[in-house]
Amino acid sequence: MDAVAVVLESPGCIDLRRVSLAAPADGDIVVEIAWSGISTGTEKLLFTGRMPQFPGMGYPLVPGYESVGVVTACGKSAGIEVGTTVFVPGANCFDGVRGLFGGAASRVVLPAARVLPVASALRDKGVLLALAATAYHAVHLVNPPDLIIGFGTLGRLIARLARIAGADPVVWERDPARRGGVAIDPAGDTRRDYAVICDASGDSAIIDSLVARLRPGGTIVLAGFYAERLEFSFPPAFMREARIAIAAQWQPRDLAAVGDLVASNTLELDGLITHHSAAADAASAYETAFGDPTCLKMVLNWSGVA
C-alpha cells in the first residue's frame, strides 16, 4: 500500500511524492485523508530548519498533524467502522520517510485509538481540532486568561474557549490586519493588573513586557512554541512574585473535550480557515501559509489525489 505525501526533503525543500506505507496491524485503521491543515508554528520551524531537536526529528519527513478523513479499512481489534469520519493527529506509517507528524498525505495507517470520530458535516473545519485542543489545554492549565497575546488562529481559539469558561479577556495584536475588530494595539493598553496572561505569539523576547502587566502573584502561560532561548529580568518578576507556566502538547482528554464542545455547538470554528489549496499545489500553499500575514489557516484538499 502507498500514498501521495507532502515531504520536507530538507529545510526549504518541499516535494509531493509517492511513499510506501506500513501494513496495518490488528488495532490499526486506514484513513483516506480529505483535508489537512498547515501549521504556521511547528511546521514553519521544520521548513526553516529552526525546529529544536526532538526524538524522531530529521529529514526527509512528512509534516502535518491536522487532518480529517474517512476510515476505509479496519484491523480486527480497531473498534471503528469503515465509513467513519475521523480527525487524525498525524501518523508514523511511512517507509523511508520520517513521520514525526505525518498527517499531510492522501492515505495514512495509524492505531484506531489515536483518532477522534467527528461528524462528517464538520468537513474541513475538523482540521482545527488540534489547535482547539492546544488552546483548551492552555486555557485550563491555570485559570482562564484575562489577557491573550496574539490573535492568530491559536489566539482566537484561546479567546473563544476563555469566554466559554466565563472569562472576558483582552486580546493584544500588533498587526492591524489581524485584529478583526476584537484585538487591540498593546500600546493603547495601560492596565498592569492582569491575573493570567496567555501568550500565543511565540515571541521569545516577550516575557519582560508581560511581567510588567501582571498583578502581584499573577501567572504568564506560555502557549506558543519558542525556537529561541527564553530569558527575562529577575528583579521585576521577583517584585511581583510572578509565575510562569508552560502549556505543553495537548492530551487526549483535551481533544475529547473540544470534540464535545464542537459537537454541541458550544465552540464555533467558523472564520478561522482563510485559505484553501489543492494538495497538488502544496509547495505554493506552504509558501502562502508561512508568508502571507492574512492567512490564519491554510487547508490542503486531497480530493483527486490517489
Protein backbone atom coordinates (compact mmCIF):
# COMPACT_ATOMS: atom_id res chain seq x y z
CA MET A 1 0.00 0.00 0.00
CA ASP A 2 1.21 3.53 -0.73
CA ALA A 3 0.15 7.17 -0.65
CA VAL A 4 1.00 10.56 -2.05
CA ALA A 5 2.50 12.73 0.67
CA VAL A 6 3.97 16.15 1.27
CA VAL A 7 7.62 15.51 2.04
CA LEU A 8 10.01 18.00 3.57
CA GLU A 9 13.16 16.70 1.91
CA SER A 10 15.33 19.22 3.76
CA PRO A 11 14.84 22.73 5.19
CA GLY A 12 13.26 24.90 2.50
CA CYS A 13 12.59 21.99 0.13
CA ILE A 14 9.03 20.64 -0.21
CA ASP A 15 8.11 17.80 -2.53
CA LEU A 16 4.88 15.93 -3.27
CA ARG A 17 5.70 12.30 -3.94
CA ARG A 18 4.53 8.74 -3.55
CA VAL A 19 5.67 6.88 -0.44
CA SER A 20 5.15 3.32 0.79
CA LEU A 21 3.00 2.67 3.86
CA ALA A 22 3.41 0.10 6.61
CA ALA A 23 0.92 -2.76 6.66
CA PRO A 24 -1.86 -2.17 9.22
CA ALA A 25 -1.84 -4.22 12.44
CA ASP A 26 -4.94 -5.60 14.17
CA GLY A 27 -5.56 -2.36 16.10
CA ASP A 28 -4.88 -0.09 13.13
CA ILE A 29 -7.10 1.65 10.63
CA VAL A 30 -6.53 3.00 7.14
CA VAL A 31 -7.79 6.55 6.57
CA GLU A 32 -8.24 8.29 3.23
CA ILE A 33 -7.43 11.91 4.00
CA ALA A 34 -9.81 14.57 2.70
CA TRP A 35 -8.23 17.69 4.20
CA SER A 36 -5.09 18.59 6.10
CA GLY A 37 -4.09 21.88 7.70
CA ILE A 38 -0.73 23.64 7.60
CA SER A 39 0.68 24.78 10.93
CA THR A 40 2.40 28.17 10.89
CA GLY A 41 4.10 27.27 14.17
CA THR A 42 5.88 23.92 14.25
CA GLU A 43 5.71 23.26 10.50
CA LYS A 44 7.23 26.65 9.73
CA LEU A 45 10.08 25.83 12.11
CA LEU A 46 10.55 22.48 10.34
CA PHE A 47 10.52 24.23 6.96
CA THR A 48 13.07 26.85 8.00
CA GLY A 49 15.29 24.34 9.81
CA ARG A 50 14.85 26.13 13.16
CA MET A 51 12.91 23.35 14.89
CA PRO A 52 14.71 22.24 18.08
CA GLN A 53 15.71 18.58 18.13
CA PHE A 54 13.12 16.09 19.33
CA PRO A 55 13.16 12.27 19.27
CA GLY A 56 12.20 11.27 15.74
CA MET A 57 13.33 14.55 14.19
CA GLY A 58 15.17 14.53 10.90
CA TYR A 59 14.66 14.77 7.13
CA PRO A 60 13.02 13.72 4.91
CA LEU A 61 9.76 13.84 6.86
CA VAL A 62 6.04 14.08 6.27
CA PRO A 63 4.63 17.09 8.17
CA GLY A 64 1.08 17.69 9.35
CA TYR A 65 -0.92 16.89 12.47
CA GLU A 66 -4.28 18.42 11.47
CA SER A 67 -6.05 16.01 9.13
CA VAL A 68 -9.60 14.78 8.54
CA GLY A 69 -10.57 11.73 6.54
CA VAL A 70 -12.71 8.63 6.22
CA VAL A 71 -11.87 5.16 7.52
CA THR A 72 -11.57 2.71 4.62
CA ALA A 73 -10.19 -0.37 6.39
CA CYS A 74 -10.05 -1.61 9.99
CA GLY A 75 -7.99 -4.17 11.87
CA LYS A 76 -9.75 -6.91 13.81
CA SER A 77 -9.49 -5.05 17.12
CA ALA A 78 -9.75 -1.47 15.84
CA GLY A 79 -13.26 -0.85 17.14
CA ILE A 80 -14.14 1.71 14.44
CA GLU A 81 -16.40 1.08 11.48
CA VAL A 82 -15.47 1.62 7.85
CA GLY A 83 -17.01 4.89 6.63
CA THR A 84 -16.45 6.79 9.91
CA THR A 85 -15.16 10.34 9.54
CA VAL A 86 -12.22 10.93 11.88
CA PHE A 87 -9.77 13.60 12.96
CA VAL A 88 -6.19 12.37 12.50
CA PRO A 89 -3.46 13.98 14.66
CA GLY A 90 -0.65 12.62 12.47
CA ALA A 91 0.76 9.20 11.62
CA ASN A 92 4.06 7.34 11.59
CA CYS A 93 3.47 4.81 8.84
CA PHE A 94 5.87 5.73 6.05
CA ASP A 95 8.70 3.60 4.69
CA GLY A 96 11.94 5.53 4.30
CA VAL A 97 10.40 8.85 5.38
CA ARG A 98 10.11 10.08 8.95
CA GLY A 99 6.60 10.52 10.32
CA LEU A 100 7.20 12.64 13.42
CA PHE A 101 3.96 14.40 12.42
CA GLY A 102 2.84 12.57 9.30
CA GLY A 103 -0.67 13.84 8.55
CA ALA A 104 -0.12 15.53 5.19
CA ALA A 105 -0.74 12.55 2.96
CA SER A 106 -3.54 11.14 0.82
CA ARG A 107 -3.72 7.97 2.95
CA VAL A 108 -2.39 7.02 6.39
CA VAL A 109 -2.25 3.98 8.65
CA LEU A 110 -2.41 4.51 12.40
CA PRO A 111 -3.77 3.00 15.62
CA ALA A 112 -7.52 3.47 15.92
CA ALA A 113 -7.04 4.72 19.49
CA ARG A 114 -5.32 7.86 18.17
CA VAL A 115 -8.19 9.23 16.09
CA LEU A 116 -11.31 11.12 17.13
CA PRO A 117 -14.58 10.31 15.32
CA VAL A 118 -16.27 13.53 14.16
CA ALA A 119 -19.44 14.46 12.32
CA SER A 120 -19.00 14.34 8.55
CA ALA A 121 -20.77 17.72 8.39
CA LEU A 122 -17.76 19.31 10.11
CA ARG A 123 -15.83 18.84 6.85
CA ASP A 124 -12.57 20.83 6.58
CA LYS A 125 -13.17 22.66 9.87
CA GLY A 126 -12.23 19.40 11.57
CA VAL A 127 -8.55 20.17 10.91
CA LEU A 128 -8.83 22.87 13.60
CA LEU A 129 -9.36 20.35 16.40
CA ALA A 130 -5.62 20.02 17.14
CA LEU A 131 -5.28 23.76 17.66
CA ALA A 132 -8.52 23.82 19.62
CA ALA A 133 -7.15 21.10 21.91
CA THR A 134 -3.91 23.10 22.29
CA ALA A 135 -5.95 26.17 23.19
CA TYR A 136 -8.11 24.21 25.65
CA HIS A 137 -5.00 22.84 27.37
CA ALA A 138 -3.60 26.37 27.76
CA VAL A 139 -6.87 27.89 28.99
CA HIS A 140 -7.34 25.23 31.67
CA LEU A 141 -3.71 24.87 32.74
CA VAL A 142 -4.12 27.52 35.46
CA ASN A 143 -7.22 29.71 35.15
CA PRO A 144 -8.79 31.24 32.05
CA PRO A 145 -6.69 34.23 30.93
CA ASP A 146 -7.77 37.84 31.22
CA LEU A 147 -5.14 38.89 28.64
CA ILE A 148 -4.25 37.00 25.45
CA ILE A 149 -1.23 37.89 23.32
CA GLY A 150 -1.63 37.24 19.59
CA PHE A 151 -4.80 36.93 17.50
CA GLY A 152 -3.82 34.26 15.02
CA THR A 153 -5.75 31.01 14.89
CA LEU A 154 -4.46 29.79 18.26
CA GLY A 155 -5.11 33.15 19.94
CA ARG A 156 -8.65 33.26 18.55
CA LEU A 157 -9.39 29.76 19.82
CA ILE A 158 -7.95 30.63 23.25
CA ALA A 159 -10.22 33.69 23.34
CA ARG A 160 -13.32 31.67 22.38
CA LEU A 161 -12.57 28.97 24.96
CA ALA A 162 -11.79 31.55 27.65
CA ARG A 163 -15.21 33.12 27.08
CA ILE A 164 -16.86 29.69 27.26
CA ALA A 165 -15.10 29.26 30.61
CA GLY A 166 -16.58 32.55 31.85
CA ALA A 167 -13.71 34.97 31.26
CA ASP A 168 -13.81 38.21 29.29
CA PRO A 169 -10.23 38.53 28.05
CA VAL A 170 -8.47 41.48 26.49
CA VAL A 171 -6.56 40.50 23.33
CA TRP A 172 -3.40 42.14 22.04
CA GLU A 173 -2.35 42.02 18.40
CA ARG A 174 0.42 44.13 16.89
CA ASP A 175 -0.59 43.52 13.26
CA PRO A 176 -3.60 45.74 12.42
CA ALA A 177 -4.64 43.31 9.66
CA ARG A 178 -5.20 40.57 12.25
CA ARG A 179 -7.17 42.45 14.89
CA GLY A 180 -10.54 41.54 13.43
CA GLY A 181 -12.39 44.22 15.38
CA VAL A 182 -11.64 42.36 18.62
CA ALA A 183 -7.94 42.64 19.41
CA ILE A 184 -6.32 45.93 20.38
CA ASP A 185 -2.94 47.55 19.90
CA PRO A 186 -0.90 46.76 23.06
CA ALA A 187 0.43 50.33 23.00
CA GLY A 188 -3.05 51.56 23.88
CA ASP A 189 -3.46 49.35 26.96
CA THR A 190 -2.35 50.84 30.28
CA ARG A 191 -3.52 48.02 32.59
CA ARG A 192 -0.97 46.46 34.94
CA ASP A 193 -3.19 44.18 36.99
CA TYR A 194 -3.73 41.10 34.83
CA ALA A 195 -4.05 37.87 36.81
CA VAL A 196 -3.37 35.41 33.96
CA ILE A 197 -1.69 36.35 30.70
CA CYS A 198 -1.66 33.73 27.94
CA ASP A 199 0.93 34.24 25.22
CA ALA A 200 0.13 32.73 21.82
CA SER A 201 2.61 34.85 19.88
CA GLY A 202 5.69 32.63 20.04
CA ASP A 203 7.79 35.76 20.66
CA SER A 204 10.83 34.62 22.65
CA ALA A 205 11.58 38.16 23.85
CA ILE A 206 8.15 38.95 25.28
CA ILE A 207 8.36 37.88 28.93
CA ASP A 208 9.72 41.13 30.39
CA SER A 209 6.91 43.18 28.81
CA LEU A 210 4.31 40.76 30.16
CA VAL A 211 5.75 40.69 33.68
CA ALA A 212 5.21 44.46 33.78
CA ARG A 213 1.48 43.90 33.16
CA LEU A 214 0.91 41.30 35.90
CA ARG A 215 -0.68 41.90 39.25
CA PRO A 216 1.30 40.54 42.24
CA GLY A 217 1.19 36.74 42.16
CA GLY A 218 0.00 36.70 38.56
CA THR A 219 0.79 33.99 36.02
CA ILE A 220 2.13 34.02 32.48
CA VAL A 221 1.07 30.96 30.46
CA LEU A 222 3.35 30.26 27.51
CA ALA A 223 1.08 28.67 24.92
CA GLY A 224 3.20 29.28 21.82
CA PHE A 225 6.25 27.36 20.64
CA TYR A 226 9.55 29.14 21.13
CA ALA A 227 12.54 28.28 18.96
CA GLU A 228 14.85 30.81 20.63
CA ARG A 229 16.12 30.86 24.19
CA LEU A 230 13.68 32.44 26.68
CA GLU A 231 15.14 35.00 29.08
CA PHE A 232 13.74 37.59 31.47
CA SER A 233 14.90 40.10 34.03
CA PHE A 234 14.61 38.61 37.50
CA PRO A 235 14.05 41.72 39.73
CA PRO A 236 10.67 42.79 38.22
CA ALA A 237 9.46 39.19 38.26
CA PHE A 238 10.65 38.86 41.87
CA MET A 239 8.84 42.03 42.92
CA ARG A 240 5.57 40.69 41.51
CA GLU A 241 6.21 37.10 42.63
CA ALA A 242 5.37 36.19 39.05
CA ARG A 243 4.64 32.63 37.99
CA ILE A 244 5.48 31.24 34.58
CA ALA A 245 3.61 28.16 33.33
CA ILE A 246 4.36 26.27 30.13
CA ALA A 247 1.44 24.73 28.25
CA ALA A 248 2.83 21.59 26.65
CA GLN A 249 1.25 19.47 23.94
CA TRP A 250 -2.46 18.77 24.27
CA GLN A 251 -3.51 15.49 25.82
CA PRO A 252 -6.19 13.05 24.61
CA ARG A 253 -8.62 14.41 27.23
CA ASP A 254 -8.20 17.91 25.74
CA LEU A 255 -9.04 16.63 22.26
CA ALA A 256 -12.07 14.77 23.62
CA ALA A 257 -13.22 17.91 25.48
CA VAL A 258 -13.08 20.18 22.44
CA GLY A 259 -14.69 17.46 20.34
CA ASP A 260 -17.65 17.55 22.72
CA LEU A 261 -17.75 21.36 22.67
CA VAL A 262 -17.78 21.42 18.87
CA ALA A 263 -20.38 18.63 18.64
CA SER A 264 -22.69 20.57 20.99
CA ASN A 265 -22.15 23.82 19.02
CA THR A 266 -20.69 25.42 22.15
CA LEU A 267 -17.36 26.06 20.41
CA GLU A 268 -17.68 27.61 16.96
CA LEU A 269 -14.90 27.04 14.39
CA ASP A 270 -16.18 29.50 11.79
CA GLY A 271 -13.96 32.25 10.41
CA LEU A 272 -10.62 30.56 11.15
CA ILE A 273 -9.86 28.89 7.81
CA THR A 274 -8.94 31.67 5.40
CA HIS A 275 -7.17 29.83 2.57
CA HIS A 276 -7.62 26.59 0.61
CA SER A 277 -5.38 24.86 -1.90
CA ALA A 278 -5.33 21.63 -3.86
CA ALA A 279 -2.80 19.23 -2.38
CA ALA A 280 -1.14 19.11 -5.81
CA ASP A 281 -0.14 22.75 -5.24
CA ALA A 282 1.31 22.07 -1.80
CA ALA A 283 4.58 23.93 -2.40
CA SER A 284 2.85 27.23 -3.15
CA ALA A 285 0.32 26.61 -0.36
CA TYR A 286 3.10 26.31 2.22
CA GLU A 287 4.67 29.50 0.86
CA THR A 288 1.37 31.35 1.34
CA ALA A 289 0.77 29.86 4.79
CA PHE A 290 4.20 30.94 6.02
CA GLY A 291 4.48 34.27 4.23
CA ASP A 292 1.03 35.86 3.99
CA PRO A 293 0.01 37.60 7.26
CA THR A 294 -3.67 37.43 6.23
CA CYS A 295 -3.50 33.62 6.18
CA LEU A 296 -4.83 32.33 9.51
CA LYS A 297 -5.15 28.71 8.39
CA MET A 298 -4.34 27.09 5.06
CA VAL A 299 -6.11 23.80 4.25
CA LEU A 300 -4.98 21.31 1.63
CA ASN A 301 -7.72 19.45 -0.25
CA TRP A 302 -6.67 15.86 -1.05
CA SER A 303 -9.62 15.01 -3.32
CA GLY A 304 -8.44 13.54 -6.59
CA VAL A 305 -5.02 12.59 -5.18
CA ALA A 306 -4.82 8.79 -5.15
